[in-house]
C-alpha atoms as a PDB file:
ATOM      1  CA  MET A   1      -9.451 -12.343  14.146  1.00  0.00           C
ATOM      2  CA  ALA A   2     -10.191 -10.683  10.819  1.00  0.00           C
ATOM      3  CA  ASN A   3     -10.738  -6.947  10.699  1.00  0.00           C
ATOM      4  CA  VAL A   4     -12.562  -5.018   8.009  1.00  0.00           C
ATOM      5  CA  LEU A   5     -11.071  -1.780   6.714  1.00  0.00           C
ATOM      6  CA  SER A   6     -12.943   0.622   4.463  1.00  0.00           C
ATOM      7  CA  LEU A   7     -10.624   2.461   2.113  1.00  0.00           C
ATOM      8  CA  ASP A   8     -11.358   5.664   0.260  1.00  0.00           C
ATOM      9  CA  ILE A   9      -8.277   6.723  -1.647  1.00  0.00           C
ATOM     10  CA  LEU A  10      -8.015   8.818  -4.807  1.00  0.00           C
ATOM     11  CA  GLY A  11     -11.777   8.735  -5.248  1.00  0.00           C
ATOM     12  CA  THR A  12     -11.972   4.932  -5.094  1.00  0.00           C
ATOM     13  CA  SER A  13     -13.751   3.189  -2.249  1.00  0.00           C
ATOM     14  CA  PHE A  14     -13.598  -0.456  -1.293  1.00  0.00           C
ATOM     15  CA  THR A  15     -13.330  -2.725   1.717  1.00  0.00           C
ATOM     16  CA  ILE A  16     -10.654  -5.251   2.624  1.00  0.00           C
ATOM     17  CA  THR A  17     -10.539  -7.917   5.297  1.00  0.00           C
ATOM     18  CA  ALA A  18      -7.220  -8.576   7.002  1.00  0.00           C
ATOM     19  CA  ASP A  19      -5.924 -10.484  10.002  1.00  0.00           C
ATOM     20  CA  GLU A  20      -3.927  -7.500  11.235  1.00  0.00           C
ATOM     21  CA  ASP A  21      -5.031  -5.407  14.195  1.00  0.00           C
ATOM     22  CA  GLU A  22      -7.402  -2.525  13.354  1.00  0.00           C
ATOM     23  CA  SER A  23      -5.051   0.105  14.759  1.00  0.00           C
ATOM     24  CA  TYR A  24      -2.225  -1.281  12.603  1.00  0.00           C
ATOM     25  CA  LEU A  25      -4.438  -1.155   9.491  1.00  0.00           C
ATOM     26  CA  GLN A  26      -5.425   2.434  10.255  1.00  0.00           C
ATOM     27  CA  GLU A  27      -1.763   3.370  10.634  1.00  0.00           C
ATOM     28  CA  VAL A  28      -0.886   1.737   7.281  1.00  0.00           C
ATOM     29  CA  LEU A  29      -3.792   3.554   5.631  1.00  0.00           C
ATOM     30  CA  SER A  30      -2.644   6.853   7.136  1.00  0.00           C
ATOM     31  CA  GLN A  31       0.913   6.270   5.899  1.00  0.00           C
ATOM     32  CA  TYR A  32      -0.313   5.380   2.417  1.00  0.00           C
ATOM     33  CA  ARG A  33      -2.509   8.481   2.230  1.00  0.00           C
ATOM     34  CA  GLU A  34       0.492  10.590   3.228  1.00  0.00           C
ATOM     35  CA  ALA A  35       2.619   8.854   0.583  1.00  0.00           C
ATOM     36  CA  VAL A  36      -0.071   9.487  -2.065  1.00  0.00           C
ATOM     37  CA  GLU A  37      -0.220  13.179  -1.144  1.00  0.00           C
ATOM     38  CA  ASN A  38       3.571  13.393  -1.314  1.00  0.00           C
ATOM     39  CA  THR A  39       3.609  11.696  -4.731  1.00  0.00           C
ATOM     40  CA  GLN A  40       0.994  14.121  -6.025  1.00  0.00           C
ATOM     41  CA  SER A  41       2.893  17.154  -4.777  1.00  0.00           C
ATOM     42  CA  ILE A  42       6.330  16.147  -6.082  1.00  0.00           C
ATOM     43  CA  SER A  43       5.275  14.642  -9.419  1.00  0.00           C
ATOM     44  CA  GLY A  44       2.538  16.934 -10.654  1.00  0.00           C
ATOM     45  CA  ILE A  45       0.711  13.840 -11.944  1.00  0.00           C
ATOM     46  CA  THR A  46      -3.069  14.163 -11.897  1.00  0.00           C
ATOM     47  CA  ASP A  47      -4.176  10.739 -13.187  1.00  0.00           C
ATOM     48  CA  LYS A  48      -5.306   8.757 -10.134  1.00  0.00           C
ATOM     49  CA  LEU A  49      -4.154   5.363 -11.370  1.00  0.00           C
ATOM     50  CA  ASN A  50      -0.718   6.735 -12.240  1.00  0.00           C
ATOM     51  CA  ILE A  51      -0.453   8.335  -8.792  1.00  0.00           C
ATOM     52  CA  ALA A  52      -1.329   5.033  -7.097  1.00  0.00           C
ATOM     53  CA  ILE A  53       1.161   3.082  -9.232  1.00  0.00           C
ATOM     54  CA  LEU A  54       3.968   5.597  -8.728  1.00  0.00           C
ATOM     55  CA  THR A  55       3.290   5.692  -4.973  1.00  0.00           C
ATOM     56  CA  GLY A  56       3.557   1.898  -4.768  1.00  0.00           C
ATOM     57  CA  PHE A  57       6.790   1.988  -6.758  1.00  0.00           C
ATOM     58  CA  LEU A  58       8.285   4.693  -4.537  1.00  0.00           C
ATOM     59  CA  LEU A  59       7.352   2.776  -1.377  1.00  0.00           C
ATOM     60  CA  CYS A  60       9.004  -0.390  -2.712  1.00  0.00           C
ATOM     61  CA  ASP A  61      12.052   1.689  -3.625  1.00  0.00           C
ATOM     62  CA  GLU A  62      12.195   3.019  -0.078  1.00  0.00           C
ATOM     63  CA  ILE A  63      12.032  -0.499   1.396  1.00  0.00           C
ATOM     64  CA  ASN A  64      14.842  -1.698  -0.874  1.00  0.00           C
ATOM     65  CA  LYS A  65      17.039   1.307  -0.074  1.00  0.00           C
ATOM     66  CA  MET A  66      16.555   0.633   3.631  1.00  0.00           C
ATOM     67  CA  ARG A  67      17.642  -2.943   3.070  1.00  0.00           C
ATOM     68  CA  LEU A  68      20.723  -1.852   1.091  1.00  0.00           C
ATOM     69  CA  ARG A  69      21.700   0.585   3.859  1.00  0.00           C
ATOM     70  CA  GLY A  70      21.507  -2.309   6.291  1.00  0.00           C
ATOM     71  CA  GLU A  71      18.486  -0.956   8.098  1.00  0.00           C
ATOM     72  CA  SER A  72      16.196  -3.509   9.611  1.00  0.00           C
ATOM     73  CA  VAL A  73      13.436  -4.453   7.222  1.00  0.00           C
ATOM     74  CA  SER A  74      12.099  -7.552   8.840  1.00  0.00           C
ATOM     75  CA  LEU A  75      10.793 -10.538   6.941  1.00  0.00           C
ATOM     76  CA  GLU A  76       7.540 -10.060   8.847  1.00  0.00           C
ATOM     77  CA  LEU A  77       7.173  -6.505   7.513  1.00  0.00           C
ATOM     78  CA  GLU A  78       7.817  -7.670   3.970  1.00  0.00           C
ATOM     79  CA  GLU A  79       5.348 -10.527   4.381  1.00  0.00           C
ATOM     80  CA  ARG A  80       2.668  -8.188   5.753  1.00  0.00           C
ATOM     81  CA  THR A  81       3.249  -5.795   2.865  1.00  0.00           C
ATOM     82  CA  GLN A  82       2.912  -8.604   0.325  1.00  0.00           C
ATOM     83  CA  ASN A  83      -0.285  -9.825   2.039  1.00  0.00           C
ATOM     84  CA  LEU A  84      -1.798  -6.334   1.928  1.00  0.00           C
ATOM     85  CA  ILE A  85      -0.851  -5.974  -1.746  1.00  0.00           C
ATOM     86  CA  ALA A  86      -2.520  -9.309  -2.489  1.00  0.00           C
ATOM     87  CA  LYS A  87      -5.667  -8.184  -0.673  1.00  0.00           C
ATOM     88  CA  LEU A  88      -5.711  -4.929  -2.657  1.00  0.00           C
ATOM     89  CA  ASP A  89      -5.271  -6.882  -5.887  1.00  0.00           C
ATOM     90  CA  GLN A  90      -8.173  -9.089  -4.878  1.00  0.00           C
ATOM     91  CA  ALA A  91     -10.334  -6.076  -3.972  1.00  0.00           C
ATOM     92  CA  PHE A  92      -9.638  -4.589  -7.413  1.00  0.00           C
ATOM     93  CA  GLY A  93     -10.327  -7.932  -9.081  1.00  0.00           C
ATOM     94  CA  LYS A  94      -6.783  -8.252 -10.369  1.00  0.00           C
ATOM     95  CA  ASN A  95      -5.511 -11.757 -11.018  1.00  0.00           C
ATOM     96  CA  PRO A  96      -1.854 -11.841  -9.875  1.00  0.00           C
ATOM     97  CA  ALA A  97      -1.098 -14.671 -12.310  1.00  0.00           C
ATOM     98  CA  ASN A  98      -2.144 -12.453 -15.232  1.00  0.00           C
ATOM     99  CA  GLY A  99      -0.493  -9.261 -13.916  1.00  0.00           C
END
């Protein structure tokens, strides 16, 4: 069953539809907001797009470091992350083939 999630991050609002449970989507949104706030506080960057890009990069870095340390980063988690990224790209009108 598809769930609709309204996002309002860094002054940008949009809606995505995802197959994940609503409580899971809310948790991911909460984690991302926390990551954005952390990025802002440690980097001093004020440009919203740069904050969002750097946050995404730092989160990917964290996933890869977990993998290198041998921590469990399941294929399912990676697949869900990629699906959410694709949905965000679609919501922003970004064509993944064109970068």
